[in-house]
Amino acid sequence: MESPFIFGGEKYKFIPEKGIIYLPVKLENLPDKLVVKDLTLLKRVEFHVSLVCIRKIIERYKISIPNFENKILNDFSEFTKTKNIAFISYKDEFKFVAKENKKTLVVMCEVSNLDNFFDFINKKYSLEIESPPAHVTLYTEDGESGIYLIRADDIKHLTKPIPNPIGHSL
């Protein structure tokens, strides 16, 4: 998923084929494999916090605003010129995620100003988009693809809290 940095900086990245703005994060000292609920999961190749899953938002909220993806990209660029959307910390909150035939392990985290960005676009476009639950996918069945968690309902219906399976703080 190696994407270039966007907006002329070295902080945010964008996956054009999925319409996701994300923030790369570093994680070290994780085992390559982990057994969770009798399932062997593989460590992700790259770690990130998905900040704005534009296409999933369009789909879930049935948004029909023309050129919405480009508008959100421009809004994000302008917003982050004055307000830093940044990783703050990991929470000691791990969740096993299952959807259809996919299973992953995530850790919840805190990100500054993400709620403020969603407040901004909600006001600008007269929408009611929920700020996503900030998390990092640590392990998946294939070491790559995760499961979209873009609303609190996703956390409620797709995840189960589990004790820290890594054995140390992140």
C-alpha atoms as a PDB file:
ATOM      1  CA  MET A   1       0.000   0.000   0.000  1.00  0.00           C
ATOM      2  CA  GLU A   2       3.009   2.301  -0.252  1.00  0.00           C
ATOM      3  CA  SER A   3       1.518   5.616  -1.347  1.00  0.00           C
ATOM      4  CA  PRO A   4       3.212   8.984  -1.790  1.00  0.00           C
ATOM      5  CA  PHE A   5       2.809  11.746   0.752  1.00  0.00           C
ATOM      6  CA  ILE A   6       0.194  14.323  -0.217  1.00  0.00           C
ATOM      7  CA  PHE A   7      -0.167  18.098  -0.015  1.00  0.00           C
ATOM      8  CA  GLY A   8       3.570  18.606  -0.484  1.00  0.00           C
ATOM      9  CA  GLY A   9       4.330  17.405   3.027  1.00  0.00           C
ATOM     10  CA  GLU A  10       5.700  14.348   4.753  1.00  0.00           C
ATOM     11  CA  LYS A  11       2.793  13.456   6.971  1.00  0.00           C
ATOM     12  CA  TYR A  12      -0.406  12.355   5.222  1.00  0.00           C
ATOM     13  CA  LYS A  13      -0.876   9.824   2.467  1.00  0.00           C
ATOM     14  CA  PHE A  14      -3.729   9.020   0.088  1.00  0.00           C
ATOM     15  CA  ILE A  15      -4.749   5.743  -1.541  1.00  0.00           C
ATOM     16  CA  PRO A  16      -6.411   6.915  -4.772  1.00  0.00           C
ATOM     17  CA  GLU A  17      -7.887   3.515  -5.660  1.00  0.00           C
ATOM     18  CA  LYS A  18      -9.701   3.357  -2.286  1.00  0.00           C
ATOM     19  CA  GLY A  19     -10.211   7.053  -1.552  1.00  0.00           C
ATOM     20  CA  ILE A  20      -8.528   6.939   1.880  1.00  0.00           C
ATOM     21  CA  ILE A  21      -6.518   9.707   3.555  1.00  0.00           C
ATOM     22  CA  TYR A  22      -4.279   8.132   6.177  1.00  0.00           C
ATOM     23  CA  LEU A  23      -1.508   8.851   8.637  1.00  0.00           C
ATOM     24  CA  PRO A  24       1.432   6.406   8.708  1.00  0.00           C
ATOM     25  CA  VAL A  25       2.554   5.365  12.205  1.00  0.00           C
ATOM     26  CA  LYS A  26       5.519   3.378  13.444  1.00  0.00           C
ATOM     27  CA  LEU A  27       5.273   0.292  15.593  1.00  0.00           C
ATOM     28  CA  GLU A  28       8.206  -1.822  16.679  1.00  0.00           C
ATOM     29  CA  ASN A  29       8.798  -4.995  18.658  1.00  0.00           C
ATOM     30  CA  LEU A  30       5.713  -6.797  17.416  1.00  0.00           C
ATOM     31  CA  PRO A  31       5.842 -10.526  16.728  1.00  0.00           C
ATOM     32  CA  ASP A  32       5.445 -11.476  13.070  1.00  0.00           C
ATOM     33  CA  LYS A  33       2.545 -13.791  13.950  1.00  0.00           C
ATOM     34  CA  LEU A  34      -0.003 -13.823  16.708  1.00  0.00           C
ATOM     35  CA  VAL A  35      -2.616 -16.403  17.667  1.00  0.00           C
ATOM     36  CA  VAL A  36      -5.925 -14.793  18.616  1.00  0.00           C
ATOM     37  CA  LYS A  37      -9.107 -16.832  19.162  1.00  0.00           C
ATOM     38  CA  ASP A  38      -7.351 -19.930  17.763  1.00  0.00           C
ATOM     39  CA  LEU A  39      -6.547 -18.049  14.559  1.00  0.00           C
ATOM     40  CA  THR A  40      -3.028 -17.226  13.362  1.00  0.00           C
ATOM     41  CA  LEU A  41      -2.808 -13.602  12.248  1.00  0.00           C
ATOM     42  CA  LEU A  42       0.109 -11.969  10.428  1.00  0.00           C
ATOM     43  CA  LYS A  43       1.659  -8.607  11.259  1.00  0.00           C
ATOM     44  CA  ARG A  44       0.756  -5.841   8.818  1.00  0.00           C
ATOM     45  CA  VAL A  45       3.476  -4.714   6.435  1.00  0.00           C
ATOM     46  CA  GLU A  46       2.664  -1.035   7.068  1.00  0.00           C
ATOM     47  CA  PHE A  47       0.832   0.595   9.959  1.00  0.00           C
ATOM     48  CA  HIS A  48      -1.442   3.598   9.660  1.00  0.00           C
ATOM     49  CA  VAL A  49      -4.505   5.371  11.024  1.00  0.00           C
ATOM     50  CA  SER A  50      -7.208   5.796   8.381  1.00  0.00           C
ATOM     51  CA  LEU A  51      -8.356   9.374   8.857  1.00  0.00           C
ATOM     52  CA  VAL A  52     -10.954   9.876   6.125  1.00  0.00           C
ATOM     53  CA  CYS A  53     -12.319   6.921   4.144  1.00  0.00           C
ATOM     54  CA  ILE A  54     -13.979   9.136   1.566  1.00  0.00           C
ATOM     55  CA  ARG A  55     -15.507   6.464  -0.668  1.00  0.00           C
ATOM     56  CA  LYS A  56     -16.850   4.484   2.278  1.00  0.00           C
ATOM     57  CA  ILE A  57     -18.340   7.709   3.672  1.00  0.00           C
ATOM     58  CA  ILE A  58     -20.025   8.423   0.318  1.00  0.00           C
ATOM     59  CA  GLU A  59     -21.404   4.880   0.278  1.00  0.00           C
ATOM     60  CA  ARG A  60     -22.524   4.681   3.937  1.00  0.00           C
ATOM     61  CA  TYR A  61     -24.031   8.158   4.141  1.00  0.00           C
ATOM     62  CA  LYS A  62     -25.415   8.110   0.575  1.00  0.00           C
ATOM     63  CA  ILE A  63     -23.707  11.385  -0.313  1.00  0.00           C
ATOM     64  CA  SER A  64     -24.584  12.754  -3.751  1.00  0.00           C
ATOM     65  CA  ILE A  65     -22.519  15.954  -3.669  1.00  0.00           C
ATOM     66  CA  PRO A  66     -20.736  16.242  -7.049  1.00  0.00           C
ATOM     67  CA  ASN A  67     -16.951  15.778  -6.919  1.00  0.00           C
ATOM     68  CA  PHE A  68     -17.150  15.073  -3.166  1.00  0.00           C
ATOM     69  CA  GLU A  69     -13.856  13.140  -3.015  1.00  0.00           C
ATOM     70  CA  ASN A  70     -11.854  16.035  -4.488  1.00  0.00           C
ATOM     71  CA  LYS A  71     -13.695  18.525  -2.295  1.00  0.00           C
ATOM     72  CA  ILE A  72     -12.794  16.548   0.837  1.00  0.00           C
ATOM     73  CA  LEU A  73      -9.168  16.251  -0.277  1.00  0.00           C
ATOM     74  CA  ASN A  74      -9.028  20.034  -0.750  1.00  0.00           C
ATOM     75  CA  ASP A  75     -10.800  20.624   2.569  1.00  0.00           C
ATOM     76  CA  PHE A  76      -8.365  18.313   4.354  1.00  0.00           C
ATOM     77  CA  SER A  77      -5.412  20.118   2.790  1.00  0.00           C
ATOM     78  CA  GLU A  78      -6.735  23.529   3.831  1.00  0.00           C
ATOM     79  CA  PHE A  79      -7.759  22.367   7.309  1.00  0.00           C
ATOM     80  CA  THR A  80      -4.361  20.837   8.086  1.00  0.00           C
ATOM     81  CA  LYS A  81      -2.548  24.056   7.146  1.00  0.00           C
ATOM     82  CA  THR A  82      -3.758  25.547  10.430  1.00  0.00           C
ATOM     83  CA  LYS A  83      -4.816  22.540  12.530  1.00  0.00           C
ATOM     84  CA  ASN A  84      -2.555  19.564  12.994  1.00  0.00           C
ATOM     85  CA  ILE A  85      -4.236  16.178  12.679  1.00  0.00           C
ATOM     86  CA  ALA A  86      -1.692  14.037  14.457  1.00  0.00           C
ATOM     87  CA  PHE A  87      -1.268  10.724  16.225  1.00  0.00           C
ATOM     88  CA  ILE A  88      -1.254  11.238  20.002  1.00  0.00           C
ATOM     89  CA  SER A  89      -1.063   7.790  21.617  1.00  0.00           C
ATOM     90  CA  TYR A  90      -2.191   4.187  21.616  1.00  0.00           C
ATOM     91  CA  LYS A  91      -4.884   3.181  24.074  1.00  0.00           C
ATOM     92  CA  ASP A  92      -4.650  -0.076  25.990  1.00  0.00           C
ATOM     93  CA  GLU A  93      -7.714  -1.159  24.030  1.00  0.00           C
ATOM     94  CA  PHE A  94      -7.355  -4.088  21.646  1.00  0.00           C
ATOM     95  CA  LYS A  95     -10.202  -5.441  19.541  1.00  0.00           C
ATOM     96  CA  PHE A  96     -10.690  -8.584  17.502  1.00  0.00           C
ATOM     97  CA  VAL A  97     -12.588  -7.655  14.332  1.00  0.00           C
ATOM     98  CA  ALA A  98     -14.653 -10.050  12.237  1.00  0.00           C
ATOM     99  CA  LYS A  99     -16.653  -9.254   9.129  1.00  0.00           C
ATOM    100  CA  GLU A 100     -17.875 -11.872   6.695  1.00  0.00           C
ATOM    101  CA  ASN A 101     -14.806 -14.059   6.097  1.00  0.00           C
ATOM    102  CA  LYS A 102     -12.171 -11.532   7.296  1.00  0.00           C
ATOM    103  CA  LYS A 103     -10.616 -11.281  10.735  1.00  0.00           C
ATOM    104  CA  THR A 104      -8.168  -8.704  12.094  1.00  0.00           C
ATOM    105  CA  LEU A 105      -6.726  -7.309  15.308  1.00  0.00           C
ATOM    106  CA  VAL A 106      -6.731  -3.558  15.959  1.00  0.00           C
ATOM    107  CA  VAL A 107      -5.570  -1.232  18.704  1.00  0.00           C
ATOM    108  CA  MET A 108      -7.526   1.926  19.393  1.00  0.00           C
ATOM    109  CA  CYS A 109      -5.657   5.227  19.471  1.00  0.00           C
ATOM    110  CA  GLU A 110      -6.059   8.957  19.907  1.00  0.00           C
ATOM    111  CA  VAL A 111      -5.651  11.447  17.071  1.00  0.00           C
ATOM    112  CA  SER A 112      -5.767  15.220  17.517  1.00  0.00           C
ATOM    113  CA  ASN A 113      -8.252  17.391  15.604  1.00  0.00           C
ATOM    114  CA  LEU A 114      -9.907  14.556  13.688  1.00  0.00           C
ATOM    115  CA  ASP A 115     -13.260  15.310  15.348  1.00  0.00           C
ATOM    116  CA  ASN A 116     -12.747  18.984  14.493  1.00  0.00           C
ATOM    117  CA  PHE A 117     -12.198  18.141  10.824  1.00  0.00           C
ATOM    118  CA  PHE A 118     -15.441  16.162  10.709  1.00  0.00           C
ATOM    119  CA  ASP A 119     -17.260  19.013  12.487  1.00  0.00           C
ATOM    120  CA  PHE A 120     -15.895  21.347   9.807  1.00  0.00           C
ATOM    121  CA  ILE A 121     -17.034  19.244   6.821  1.00  0.00           C
ATOM    122  CA  ASN A 122     -20.392  18.502   8.448  1.00  0.00           C
ATOM    123  CA  LYS A 123     -21.055  22.201   8.835  1.00  0.00           C
ATOM    124  CA  LYS A 124     -19.719  23.089   5.375  1.00  0.00           C
ATOM    125  CA  TYR A 125     -21.805  20.458   3.532  1.00  0.00           C
ATOM    126  CA  SER A 126     -24.779  20.219   5.952  1.00  0.00           C
ATOM    127  CA  LEU A 127     -23.970  16.576   6.720  1.00  0.00           C
ATOM    128  CA  GLU A 128     -23.951  14.389   9.822  1.00  0.00           C
ATOM    129  CA  ILE A 129     -20.869  12.236   9.230  1.00  0.00           C
ATOM    130  CA  GLU A 130     -19.552  10.578  12.345  1.00  0.00           C
ATOM    131  CA  SER A 131     -15.876  10.983  13.147  1.00  0.00           C
ATOM    132  CA  PRO A 132     -14.231   7.564  12.703  1.00  0.00           C
ATOM    133  CA  PRO A 133     -13.041   5.540  15.691  1.00  0.00           C
ATOM    134  CA  ALA A 134      -9.270   6.040  15.484  1.00  0.00           C
ATOM    135  CA  HIS A 135      -7.440   2.725  15.349  1.00  0.00           C
ATOM    136  CA  VAL A 136      -4.458   0.943  13.832  1.00  0.00           C
ATOM    137  CA  THR A 137      -4.837  -2.498  12.276  1.00  0.00           C
ATOM    138  CA  LEU A 138      -1.978  -4.570  13.671  1.00  0.00           C
ATOM    139  CA  TYR A 139      -2.647  -8.062  12.333  1.00  0.00           C
ATOM    140  CA  THR A 140      -4.736  -9.626   9.572  1.00  0.00           C
ATOM    141  CA  GLU A 141      -5.100 -13.085   8.122  1.00  0.00           C
ATOM    142  CA  ASP A 142      -2.996 -12.152   5.092  1.00  0.00           C
ATOM    143  CA  GLY A 143      -0.803  -9.436   6.645  1.00  0.00           C
ATOM    144  CA  GLU A 144      -2.406  -6.877   4.354  1.00  0.00           C
ATOM    145  CA  SER A 145      -6.080  -5.996   4.007  1.00  0.00           C
ATOM    146  CA  GLY A 146      -7.985  -4.722   7.025  1.00  0.00           C
ATOM    147  CA  ILE A 147     -11.672  -4.150   7.765  1.00  0.00           C
ATOM    148  CA  TYR A 148     -13.237  -0.697   7.519  1.00  0.00           C
ATOM    149  CA  LEU A 149     -14.251   0.714  10.902  1.00  0.00           C
ATOM    150  CA  ILE A 150     -15.614   4.169  10.120  1.00  0.00           C
ATOM    151  CA  ARG A 151     -18.451   4.567  12.655  1.00  0.00           C
ATOM    152  CA  ALA A 152     -19.084   3.711  16.302  1.00  0.00           C
ATOM    153  CA  ASP A 153     -21.627   1.132  15.050  1.00  0.00           C
ATOM    154  CA  ASP A 154     -18.782  -0.708  13.309  1.00  0.00           C
ATOM    155  CA  ILE A 155     -16.942  -0.993  16.621  1.00  0.00           C
ATOM    156  CA  LYS A 156     -20.136  -2.098  18.376  1.00  0.00           C
ATOM    157  CA  HIS A 157     -21.157  -4.726  15.804  1.00  0.00           C
ATOM    158  CA  LEU A 158     -17.883  -5.971  14.291  1.00  0.00           C
ATOM    159  CA  THR A 159     -15.463  -6.042  17.228  1.00  0.00           C
ATOM    160  CA  LYS A 160     -14.920  -7.846  20.508  1.00  0.00           C
ATOM    161  CA  PRO A 161     -12.585  -6.399  23.157  1.00  0.00           C
ATOM    162  CA  ILE A 162      -9.680  -8.670  24.021  1.00  0.00           C
ATOM    163  CA  PRO A 163      -6.856  -8.426  26.572  1.00  0.00           C
ATOM    164  CA  ASN A 164      -3.549  -7.103  25.238  1.00  0.00           C
ATOM    165  CA  PRO A 165      -2.305 -10.071  23.172  1.00  0.00           C
ATOM    166  CA  ILE A 166       1.164  -8.617  22.637  1.00  0.00           C
ATOM    167  CA  GLY A 167       2.326  -8.705  26.237  1.00  0.00           C
ATOM    168  CA  HIS A 168       3.702  -5.161  26.375  1.00  0.00           C
ATOM    169  CA  SER A 169       2.516  -1.606  25.893  1.00  0.00           C
ATOM    170  CA  LEU A 170       2.673  -0.026  22.463  1.00  0.00           C
END
